[in-house]
Amino acid sequence: MSYRCCLFFHFSCSFFKIGELADQECCWIPCTVKMGTLLEPAVLLLLWQGVWALDVPLESEQPPTIIKQSLKEHIVDPKDTMVIECEAKGNPHPIFSWRRNGKYFNVARDSQTSMRRRSGTLDIYARNNPGDYEAEYQCIASNEYGSAYSNKIRLQLSRAPVWPREILEPVVVSVGLPLVLSCDPPPGPPKPETYWMSSCKVSMGVNGDLYFSNVLINDSATDYCCNARFPYKNIIQQKMPVVVKVLTSEQSLKRHHSRTVAEAAPTWLSPTGSSSSVMVLQGEELFLECIAAGVPTPHISWMKDGEALSVTSRMRVKNFNKMIKIPKASFDDAGEYVCTATNKIGYIEHTITVRVKAAPFWLERPSDLILAPEENGQLVCRSDGAPRPTIRWFINGEPIETATPQPNRHVSGETLTLRSVTVANTGVYQCNASNQYGYLFANAFVNVLHATPRIMGPRNELIKVIEGSRIFLHCRYFGSPVPDLRW
């Protein structure tokens, strides 16, 4: 049974125009709703929360678009085929090429590499000399309308995580003295996670070392083992066990011919001295630690910018107040932190200055433009970071400063403006936002063409819904100039 349904739209449209409907205005359209046994008309409330991007049908001629690529930091196992992904679409279908360390890489002449059919994905079969292929790679997808570039992909080999076989001498220490057992795991990449196998209540530092503020008799053990987990293949490696022997007061007196330390004022084990600084990138983990030696065991307290530290839900206090972990640092976390170690003999302070910087992040990335001749358009590359990123524009991979001049093209910082476009403006434009902590890179094509309006998808579609539920009706369409859409 067919009904006329009243459709309520709530939308904010800036890319293309959908009629002249105001908020809460009703537009009647014929639609087919198959109901159950109930025969009453249904009113369907459509909450419009966004606008479909105007996609160019692949049968229309268009510049290339990168649709899949490997991560910027790409770690591979050299025992396997090393794969660097690069996929793109376009019409005509793109042809692919690669740069290695900024220079053209002739894949066809390298017997240990190949590209997959109708793809830019690179397979590397370097069993004997994988280290020769650690480099920075960039994929280029080209057709007659332009060239799209991938990110610069740094290929790194996952190193075999092997601790050197070494004979570790037993560690002999007098009761009450501090002790540090080092871990020093293989570096990776990627960086391993470390932990110790021990039943003792001691503190592991950020660097993976094990800290004893003061050793006790029951800290004697033969199996202090540092373990490193390498997340790439979830491999766990164990260091040779460390034997710790704690001397009693009588044994210490005989060994050193001096009195044992009964009580001691706090001293810093980590960090050392009276001040240090930490720099962290926005969004990364921030660790602050203060580990002190002393008898009795010192108590650690924290202040920030002259006031007692307020522990929020974003923070984790660990290791008996010796460590503060902030999983995602923000600019609000910058400042001066003072940790105080106190026992009944005395106290010490250490000031940690935290600086928060930021790799570039997007505020608005450029979007593809489909324009008819004589129309105007803009590409916007808006980002932020600390320090503020530098913006550079490219066209088909060439710096726009050295590209063929076009009088209707104007660049002003983060905005590239095209006025009264012609087919000569068709191409793939790139923007790069960079500072010393990272970069952003985006492609956006400008396609100048005439195309008659068309509805994409089935013309007569039956949508079955449950009475009382919400339904979203999507109308995908294409045309150049951008058509008006009316329901």
Protein backbone atom coordinates (compact mmCIF):
# COMPACT_ATOMS: atom_id res chain seq x y z
CA MET A 1 0.00 0.00 0.00
CA SER A 2 1.35 3.47 -0.87
CA TYR A 3 1.09 6.56 1.31
CA ARG A 4 2.12 10.16 0.99
CA CYS A 5 4.65 10.72 3.77
CA CYS A 6 5.44 14.03 5.44
CA LEU A 7 9.22 14.34 5.69
CA PHE A 8 10.74 16.76 8.20
CA PHE A 9 14.31 17.89 7.41
CA HIS A 10 16.91 19.34 9.75
CA PHE A 11 20.04 20.12 7.82
CA SER A 12 22.95 22.47 7.35
CA CYS A 13 24.00 22.48 3.72
CA SER A 14 27.10 24.21 2.43
CA PHE A 15 28.28 21.98 -0.40
CA PHE A 16 25.16 21.69 -2.46
CA LYS A 17 21.64 23.09 -2.24
CA ILE A 18 18.62 20.99 -1.32
CA GLY A 19 15.50 22.96 -2.15
CA GLU A 20 14.47 25.84 0.10
CA LEU A 21 13.12 23.86 3.05
CA ALA A 22 13.19 25.62 6.42
CA ASP A 23 13.55 23.90 9.77
CA GLN A 24 10.40 21.88 10.57
CA GLU A 25 8.96 22.58 7.09
CA CYS A 26 7.05 19.70 5.58
CA CYS A 27 7.66 18.35 2.07
CA TRP A 28 5.20 15.83 0.63
CA ILE A 29 6.62 13.13 -1.62
CA PRO A 30 5.14 9.84 -2.80
CA CYS A 31 6.76 6.85 -1.16
CA THR A 32 5.93 3.21 -0.80
CA VAL A 33 5.75 1.77 2.69
CA LYS A 34 4.86 -1.80 3.28
CA MET A 35 3.03 -2.14 6.58
CA GLY A 36 1.84 -5.12 8.58
CA THR A 37 -1.81 -5.52 9.46
CA LEU A 38 -2.15 -1.89 10.55
CA LEU A 39 -3.54 0.35 7.81
CA GLU A 40 -3.09 3.80 9.36
CA PRO A 41 -0.78 6.29 7.63
CA ALA A 42 2.73 6.59 9.04
CA VAL A 43 4.60 9.83 9.60
CA LEU A 44 8.36 9.31 9.19
CA LEU A 45 10.62 11.84 10.89
CA LEU A 46 13.91 12.22 9.07
CA LEU A 47 16.74 13.75 11.09
CA TRP A 48 19.14 15.19 8.55
CA GLN A 49 22.57 15.20 10.17
CA GLY A 50 24.82 15.70 7.22
CA VAL A 51 25.08 15.97 3.45
CA TRP A 52 26.37 13.30 1.12
CA ALA A 53 29.58 14.27 -0.60
CA LEU A 54 29.17 14.65 -4.33
CA ASP A 55 31.03 11.62 -5.67
CA VAL A 56 32.17 11.50 -9.27
CA PRO A 57 30.91 8.26 -10.86
CA LEU A 58 33.89 6.19 -11.87
CA GLU A 59 32.61 6.02 -15.46
CA SER A 60 33.25 9.77 -15.69
CA GLU A 61 36.77 10.89 -16.54
CA GLN A 62 38.56 12.11 -13.42
CA PRO A 63 42.01 12.52 -11.83
CA PRO A 64 43.41 9.81 -9.54
CA THR A 65 42.47 9.45 -5.86
CA ILE A 66 44.57 7.45 -3.38
CA ILE A 67 42.16 5.10 -1.59
CA LYS A 68 44.56 2.89 0.40
CA GLN A 69 48.14 3.22 1.63
CA SER A 70 50.43 1.85 4.32
CA LEU A 71 51.07 3.74 7.55
CA LYS A 72 53.74 6.45 7.64
CA GLU A 73 55.77 4.30 10.05
CA HIS A 74 55.54 0.86 8.44
CA ILE A 75 57.18 -2.03 10.32
CA VAL A 76 57.57 -5.37 8.50
CA ASP A 77 59.02 -8.79 9.22
CA PRO A 78 62.00 -9.36 6.90
CA LYS A 79 61.35 -13.12 6.94
CA ASP A 80 58.06 -12.53 5.09
CA THR A 81 57.29 -10.77 1.82
CA MET A 82 57.49 -7.08 2.68
CA VAL A 83 54.35 -5.33 1.41
CA ILE A 84 53.86 -1.57 0.99
CA GLU A 85 50.24 -0.84 0.06
CA CYS A 86 49.11 1.72 -2.48
CA GLU A 87 45.71 1.63 -4.19
CA ALA A 88 44.06 4.38 -6.24
CA LYS A 89 41.03 4.97 -8.44
CA GLY A 90 40.57 7.25 -11.43
CA ASN A 91 39.43 7.31 -15.04
CA PRO A 92 41.48 6.38 -16.99
CA HIS A 93 42.73 3.88 -14.42
CA PRO A 94 45.96 5.26 -12.90
CA ILE A 95 49.42 3.99 -13.63
CA PHE A 96 51.72 3.72 -10.61
CA SER A 97 55.32 4.56 -9.86
CA TRP A 98 57.44 4.83 -6.72
CA ARG A 99 60.07 7.08 -5.18
CA ARG A 100 62.63 5.79 -2.71
CA ASN A 101 64.44 8.32 -0.53
CA GLY A 102 63.13 11.06 -2.80
CA LYS A 103 64.41 9.56 -6.07
CA TYR A 104 62.67 7.56 -8.80
CA PHE A 105 62.67 3.85 -7.95
CA ASN A 106 62.71 1.60 -11.01
CA VAL A 107 60.68 -1.35 -9.76
CA ALA A 108 60.87 -3.21 -13.08
CA ARG A 109 64.67 -3.34 -12.96
CA ASP A 110 64.85 -4.61 -9.38
CA SER A 111 64.66 -8.40 -9.35
CA GLN A 112 63.50 -8.49 -5.72
CA THR A 113 60.49 -6.17 -6.10
CA SER A 114 57.26 -6.19 -8.09
CA MET A 115 53.99 -4.26 -8.32
CA ARG A 116 50.65 -6.01 -8.29
CA ARG A 117 48.43 -5.89 -11.38
CA ARG A 118 46.30 -2.71 -11.70
CA SER A 119 47.68 -1.62 -8.35
CA GLY A 120 50.61 0.26 -6.88
CA THR A 121 51.10 -2.19 -4.00
CA LEU A 122 54.76 -3.10 -3.79
CA ASP A 123 55.98 -6.60 -2.88
CA ILE A 124 59.61 -6.94 -1.76
CA TYR A 125 61.19 -10.41 -1.60
CA ALA A 126 64.57 -9.52 -0.08
CA ARG A 127 65.46 -12.64 1.89
CA ASN A 128 69.23 -12.17 1.83
CA ASN A 129 69.61 -8.40 2.09
CA PRO A 130 66.42 -6.97 3.65
CA GLY A 131 68.34 -4.14 5.29
CA ASP A 132 69.01 -2.65 1.84
CA TYR A 133 65.29 -1.89 1.52
CA GLU A 134 64.91 0.10 4.72
CA ALA A 135 64.08 3.50 3.26
CA GLU A 136 61.41 6.14 2.75
CA TYR A 137 58.93 5.27 -0.03
CA GLN A 138 56.26 7.33 -1.78
CA CYS A 139 53.67 6.04 -4.27
CA ILE A 140 52.48 8.11 -7.23
CA ALA A 141 49.22 7.37 -9.09
CA SER A 142 48.90 9.18 -12.43
CA ASN A 143 46.62 9.52 -15.40
CA GLU A 144 46.17 12.21 -18.06
CA TYR A 145 44.30 14.44 -15.58
CA GLY A 146 46.89 14.57 -12.82
CA SER A 147 48.99 12.74 -10.23
CA ALA A 148 48.08 11.81 -6.64
CA TYR A 149 50.81 11.13 -4.08
CA SER A 150 50.76 8.88 -1.02
CA ASN A 151 52.30 9.84 2.31
CA LYS A 152 56.00 9.26 2.69
CA ILE A 153 56.15 5.74 4.12
CA ARG A 154 59.19 4.83 6.22
CA LEU A 155 59.84 1.09 5.92
CA GLN A 156 61.45 -0.38 9.04
CA LEU A 157 62.46 -3.96 9.72
CA SER A 158 61.30 -5.65 12.89
CA ARG A 159 64.55 -6.59 14.60
CA ALA A 160 64.98 -10.03 16.17
CA PRO A 161 64.49 -9.26 19.86
CA VAL A 162 67.39 -11.16 21.39
CA TRP A 163 69.06 -10.35 24.68
CA PRO A 164 72.77 -11.11 24.69
CA ARG A 165 73.61 -14.24 26.63
CA GLU A 166 75.59 -12.98 29.57
CA ILE A 167 76.61 -14.26 32.97
CA LEU A 168 75.27 -11.89 35.58
CA GLU A 169 77.16 -11.77 38.85
CA PRO A 170 75.03 -11.91 42.01
CA VAL A 171 74.18 -8.50 43.43
CA VAL A 172 75.18 -8.23 47.10
CA VAL A 173 73.70 -5.34 49.06
CA SER A 174 73.33 -4.47 52.72
CA VAL A 175 69.90 -4.27 54.28
CA GLY A 176 68.44 -0.76 54.22
CA LEU A 177 70.46 0.48 51.22
CA PRO A 178 68.88 1.45 47.88
CA LEU A 179 69.26 -0.77 44.82
CA VAL A 180 68.63 -0.38 41.08
CA LEU A 181 68.42 -3.40 38.75
CA SER A 182 68.73 -2.40 35.09
CA CYS A 183 66.69 -3.98 32.31
CA ASP A 184 68.14 -2.57 29.03
CA PRO A 185 65.90 -4.50 26.59
CA PRO A 186 66.68 -4.78 22.87
CA PRO A 187 65.49 -1.53 21.25
CA GLY A 188 63.18 -2.92 18.53
CA PRO A 189 61.46 -1.43 16.50
CA PRO A 190 58.86 -1.28 17.77
CA LYS A 191 59.78 -0.23 21.29
CA PRO A 192 59.07 -3.12 23.69
CA GLU A 193 56.96 -3.12 26.82
CA THR A 194 58.92 -4.20 29.90
CA TYR A 195 57.92 -5.81 33.17
CA TRP A 196 59.63 -7.75 35.96
CA MET A 197 58.76 -11.14 37.37
CA SER A 198 59.09 -10.77 41.10
CA SER A 199 56.84 -11.01 44.13
CA CYS A 200 58.51 -8.03 45.85
CA LYS A 201 56.70 -4.69 46.19
CA VAL A 202 59.17 -2.48 44.38
CA SER A 203 58.84 0.17 41.66
CA MET A 204 59.57 -0.16 37.97
CA GLY A 205 60.67 3.09 36.39
CA VAL A 206 59.66 4.50 33.04
CA ASN A 207 62.95 3.22 31.59
CA GLY A 208 62.17 -0.34 32.69
CA ASP A 209 64.65 -0.48 35.59
CA LEU A 210 63.65 -1.86 38.97
CA TYR A 211 64.08 0.47 41.97
CA PHE A 212 64.35 -0.45 45.66
CA SER A 213 64.09 2.53 47.99
CA ASN A 214 65.65 0.34 50.69
CA VAL A 215 66.22 -3.39 50.49
CA LEU A 216 64.81 -5.76 53.06
CA ILE A 217 65.97 -9.22 54.07
CA ASN A 218 63.11 -10.84 52.16
CA ASP A 219 64.21 -9.05 48.95
CA SER A 220 66.87 -11.76 48.60
CA ALA A 221 65.92 -13.86 45.56
CA THR A 222 67.48 -15.80 42.70
CA ASP A 223 64.93 -14.98 40.01
CA TYR A 224 64.64 -11.26 39.30
CA CYS A 225 63.75 -11.48 35.60
CA CYS A 226 63.13 -8.57 33.26
CA ASN A 227 60.77 -9.40 30.40
CA ALA A 228 60.22 -7.47 27.20
CA ARG A 229 57.12 -7.88 25.04
CA PHE A 230 57.49 -6.85 21.42
CA PRO A 231 53.99 -5.94 20.18
CA TYR A 232 54.62 -6.41 16.44
CA LYS A 233 54.40 -10.22 16.73
CA ASN A 234 53.64 -10.46 20.44
CA ILE A 235 57.03 -12.00 21.18
CA ILE A 236 58.22 -12.10 24.78
CA GLN A 237 61.94 -12.25 25.57
CA GLN A 238 63.39 -12.76 29.04
CA LYS A 239 66.68 -11.48 30.36
CA MET A 240 68.93 -13.81 32.33
CA PRO A 241 67.78 -13.90 35.99
CA VAL A 242 69.49 -11.61 38.47
CA VAL A 243 70.42 -13.00 41.89
CA VAL A 244 70.09 -10.54 44.77
CA LYS A 245 71.60 -11.35 48.16
CA VAL A 246 70.74 -9.01 51.03
CA LEU A 247 73.19 -8.98 53.94
CA THR A 248 71.90 -8.79 57.48
CA SER A 249 73.30 -6.26 59.95
CA GLU A 250 75.81 -8.75 61.30
CA GLN A 251 76.93 -9.88 57.84
CA SER A 252 77.25 -6.28 56.67
CA LEU A 253 79.33 -5.36 59.68
CA LYS A 254 81.75 -8.23 58.99
CA ARG A 255 81.91 -7.46 55.26
CA HIS A 256 82.37 -3.69 55.41
CA HIS A 257 83.75 -3.25 58.95
CA SER A 258 81.29 -0.42 59.49
CA ARG A 259 77.85 0.19 60.89
CA THR A 260 74.86 -0.54 58.67
CA VAL A 261 72.56 2.27 57.68
CA ALA A 262 69.67 2.29 60.12
CA GLU A 263 67.87 5.47 59.05
CA ALA A 264 68.58 7.79 56.14
CA ALA A 265 67.16 10.99 54.71
CA PRO A 266 65.60 10.80 51.23
CA THR A 267 67.81 10.92 48.13
CA TRP A 268 66.66 10.77 44.51
CA LEU A 269 67.07 7.61 42.46
CA SER A 270 65.08 8.88 39.46
CA PRO A 271 65.24 11.57 38.28
CA THR A 272 68.46 12.85 39.80
CA GLY A 273 69.32 16.39 40.87
CA SER A 274 66.90 19.14 41.82
CA SER A 275 65.23 19.77 38.43
CA SER A 276 64.53 18.21 35.04
CA SER A 277 62.30 18.79 32.03
CA VAL A 278 59.94 16.66 29.96
CA MET A 279 58.64 17.37 26.47
CA VAL A 280 55.58 15.46 25.28
CA LEU A 281 53.45 15.68 22.14
CA GLN A 282 49.75 16.37 22.43
CA GLY A 283 47.82 13.10 22.54
CA GLU A 284 50.81 11.00 23.59
CA GLU A 285 51.39 9.37 26.97
CA LEU A 286 52.96 11.56 29.65
CA PHE A 287 54.84 9.89 32.49
CA LEU A 288 56.10 11.79 35.52
CA GLU A 289 58.05 9.81 38.10
CA CYS A 290 59.89 10.54 41.34
CA ILE A 291 61.56 7.57 43.03
CA ALA A 292 63.52 8.19 46.22
CA ALA A 293 65.78 6.14 48.47
CA GLY A 294 65.68 6.46 52.26
CA VAL A 295 64.91 4.73 55.54
CA PRO A 296 62.04 4.76 56.40
CA THR A 297 60.71 4.60 52.83
CA PRO A 298 59.96 8.18 51.76
CA HIS A 299 56.42 9.29 50.97
CA ILE A 300 55.97 11.08 47.63
CA SER A 301 53.62 14.04 47.18
CA TRP A 302 52.99 16.28 44.17
CA MET A 303 52.27 19.94 43.42
CA LYS A 304 51.61 21.72 40.14
CA ASP A 305 52.25 25.42 39.57
CA GLY A 306 52.44 26.08 43.30
CA GLU A 307 49.27 24.23 44.33
CA ALA A 308 48.54 20.68 45.47
CA LEU A 309 48.10 18.51 42.39
CA SER A 310 44.44 17.81 41.70
CA VAL A 311 44.20 14.24 40.38
CA THR A 312 41.57 14.18 37.63
CA SER A 313 39.94 11.31 35.78
CA ARG A 314 42.52 11.78 33.01
CA MET A 315 45.36 10.83 35.37
CA ARG A 316 46.53 7.53 36.82
CA VAL A 317 48.60 7.51 40.01
CA LYS A 318 50.81 4.42 40.20
CA ASN A 319 53.65 2.84 42.17
CA PHE A 320 52.63 4.19 45.57
CA ASN A 321 52.35 7.80 44.30
CA LYS A 322 55.76 7.64 42.63
CA MET A 323 54.40 7.85 39.09
CA ILE A 324 51.72 9.91 37.39
CA LYS A 325 50.49 8.67 34.03
CA ILE A 326 48.41 10.83 31.68
CA PRO A 327 47.36 8.62 28.73
CA LYS A 328 46.69 11.56 26.38
CA ALA A 329 48.57 14.74 27.16
CA SER A 330 46.96 18.10 26.44
CA PHE A 331 48.21 21.68 26.56
CA ASP A 332 46.60 22.01 30.01
CA ASP A 333 49.14 19.51 31.33
CA ALA A 334 52.07 21.89 30.72
CA GLY A 335 53.57 23.55 33.78
CA GLU A 336 55.91 23.04 36.72
CA TYR A 337 55.41 19.91 38.77
CA VAL A 338 57.19 19.60 42.14
CA CYS A 339 57.51 16.20 43.75
CA THR A 340 58.52 15.97 47.42
CA ALA A 341 60.01 12.90 49.11
CA THR A 342 59.53 12.95 52.87
CA ASN A 343 60.39 10.70 55.81
CA LYS A 344 61.04 11.43 59.48
CA ILE A 345 64.70 12.23 58.81
CA GLY A 346 64.08 14.93 56.19
CA TYR A 347 62.68 15.82 52.78
CA ILE A 348 63.84 16.74 49.26
CA GLU A 349 62.15 18.33 46.27
CA HIS A 350 62.49 17.95 42.52
CA THR A 351 60.95 20.27 39.91
CA ILE A 352 59.85 18.81 36.57
CA THR A 353 59.05 21.34 33.85
CA VAL A 354 56.55 19.87 31.38
CA ARG A 355 56.31 21.31 27.88
CA VAL A 356 53.54 20.13 25.55
CA LYS A 357 54.08 20.42 21.81
CA ALA A 358 51.90 19.16 18.96
CA ALA A 359 52.48 17.58 15.59
CA PRO A 360 50.18 19.15 12.98
CA PHE A 361 46.51 18.17 13.18
CA TRP A 362 43.64 18.93 10.85
CA LEU A 363 41.12 21.70 11.35
CA GLU A 364 39.90 21.47 7.75
CA ARG A 365 41.44 19.31 5.07
CA PRO A 366 40.96 20.07 1.36
CA SER A 367 38.04 18.39 -0.41
CA ASP A 368 37.73 17.40 -4.06
CA LEU A 369 36.17 20.08 -6.29
CA ILE A 370 33.92 19.38 -9.26
CA LEU A 371 33.46 22.59 -11.22
CA ALA A 372 31.91 23.61 -14.50
CA PRO A 373 33.88 25.97 -16.74
CA GLU A 374 33.81 29.61 -15.53
CA GLU A 375 32.85 28.62 -11.96
CA ASN A 376 34.97 29.59 -8.95
CA GLY A 377 36.34 27.28 -6.27
CA GLN A 378 38.55 27.12 -3.19
CA LEU A 379 40.74 24.49 -1.58
CA VAL A 380 41.33 25.00 2.13
CA CYS A 381 44.20 23.38 4.05
CA ARG A 382 43.66 24.45 7.65
CA SER A 383 45.71 22.90 10.44
CA ASP A 384 47.22 23.70 13.80
CA GLY A 385 50.08 22.50 15.97
CA ALA A 386 52.79 23.71 18.30
CA PRO A 387 54.71 25.32 16.78
CA ARG A 388 52.24 26.43 14.13
CA PRO A 389 52.67 24.35 10.95
CA THR A 390 54.04 25.71 7.69
CA ILE A 391 51.70 25.21 4.71
CA ARG A 392 53.03 24.28 1.27
CA TRP A 393 50.97 23.67 -1.87
CA PHE A 394 51.75 21.36 -4.78
CA ILE A 395 50.03 20.52 -8.05
CA ASN A 396 50.50 16.99 -9.38
CA GLY A 397 53.41 16.68 -6.95
CA GLU A 398 55.27 19.78 -8.15
CA PRO A 399 55.70 22.78 -5.81
CA ILE A 400 53.16 25.33 -6.89
CA GLU A 401 55.87 28.03 -6.92
CA THR A 402 57.63 26.27 -9.80
CA ALA A 403 54.52 24.91 -11.59
CA THR A 404 53.27 26.45 -14.82
CA PRO A 405 51.72 29.82 -13.83
CA GLN A 406 47.95 30.20 -14.18
CA PRO A 407 46.54 33.72 -13.89
CA ASN A 408 43.27 32.48 -12.36
CA ARG A 409 45.04 30.58 -9.57
CA HIS A 410 45.94 32.37 -6.34
CA VAL A 411 47.51 31.00 -3.15
CA SER A 412 47.17 32.81 0.17
CA GLY A 413 48.54 30.72 3.02
CA GLU A 414 46.06 27.95 3.78
CA THR A 415 43.69 28.83 0.91
CA LEU A 416 44.07 28.16 -2.82
CA THR A 417 41.53 30.04 -4.95
CA LEU A 418 40.56 29.31 -8.55
CA ARG A 419 38.48 31.87 -10.48
CA SER A 420 36.64 31.32 -13.76
CA VAL A 421 38.14 27.86 -14.11
CA THR A 422 39.07 26.17 -17.34
CA VAL A 423 40.00 22.60 -18.19
CA ALA A 424 43.63 23.65 -17.67
CA ASN A 425 42.92 23.88 -13.93
CA THR A 426 42.07 20.16 -13.75
CA GLY A 427 44.63 18.28 -11.68
CA VAL A 428 45.48 16.88 -8.26
CA TYR A 429 46.46 19.49 -5.72
CA GLN A 430 48.41 18.59 -2.58
CA CYS A 431 48.90 20.46 0.66
CA ASN A 432 51.58 19.73 3.24
CA ALA A 433 51.35 21.09 6.80
CA SER A 434 54.54 20.44 8.73
CA ASN A 435 56.55 21.35 11.80
CA GLN A 436 59.52 19.64 13.45
CA TYR A 437 57.25 17.04 15.10
CA GLY A 438 55.46 15.72 12.03
CA TYR A 439 53.48 16.51 8.94
CA LEU A 440 50.06 16.18 7.33
CA PHE A 441 49.64 15.50 3.64
CA ALA A 442 46.42 15.54 1.63
CA ASN A 443 45.39 15.23 -2.02
CA ALA A 444 42.34 16.96 -3.48
CA PHE A 445 41.51 16.95 -7.15
CA VAL A 446 39.92 19.72 -9.18
CA ASN A 447 37.84 18.30 -12.01
CA VAL A 448 36.54 20.84 -14.53
CA LEU A 449 33.82 19.30 -16.68
CA HIS A 450 30.26 19.53 -17.97
CA ALA A 451 27.97 16.69 -16.86
CA THR A 452 24.19 16.50 -17.08
CA PRO A 453 22.40 15.79 -13.78
CA ARG A 454 21.76 12.16 -12.94
CA ILE A 455 20.36 10.19 -10.02
CA MET A 456 22.76 7.46 -8.94
CA GLY A 457 21.19 4.29 -7.68
CA PRO A 458 17.84 2.60 -8.27
CA ARG A 459 15.01 4.79 -9.56
CA ASN A 460 12.13 2.87 -7.98
CA GLU A 461 13.10 1.45 -4.65
CA LEU A 462 10.80 -0.24 -2.15
CA ILE A 463 11.86 0.42 1.43
CA LYS A 464 10.32 -1.73 4.14
CA VAL A 465 10.14 -0.16 7.60
CA ILE A 466 8.62 -0.88 10.98
CA GLU A 467 5.86 1.48 12.00
CA GLY A 468 7.12 4.06 14.51
CA SER A 469 10.79 3.70 13.59
CA ARG A 470 13.03 6.28 11.92
CA ILE A 471 14.03 6.06 8.29
CA PHE A 472 16.73 7.84 6.32
CA LEU A 473 16.21 8.39 2.61
CA HIS A 474 19.44 9.02 0.72
CA CYS A 475 19.50 10.51 -2.74
CA ARG A 476 22.89 10.18 -4.40
CA TYR A 477 23.28 12.30 -7.48
CA PHE A 478 25.89 13.88 -9.73
CA GLY A 479 26.19 16.69 -12.23
CA SER A 480 28.37 19.64 -13.14
CA PRO A 481 27.51 22.41 -12.39
CA VAL A 482 26.24 20.98 -9.09
CA PRO A 483 22.50 20.36 -9.59
CA ASP A 484 19.74 21.61 -7.27
CA LEU A 485 18.02 18.71 -5.51
CA ARG A 486 14.32 18.84 -4.69
CA TRP A 487 12.18 16.24 -2.95
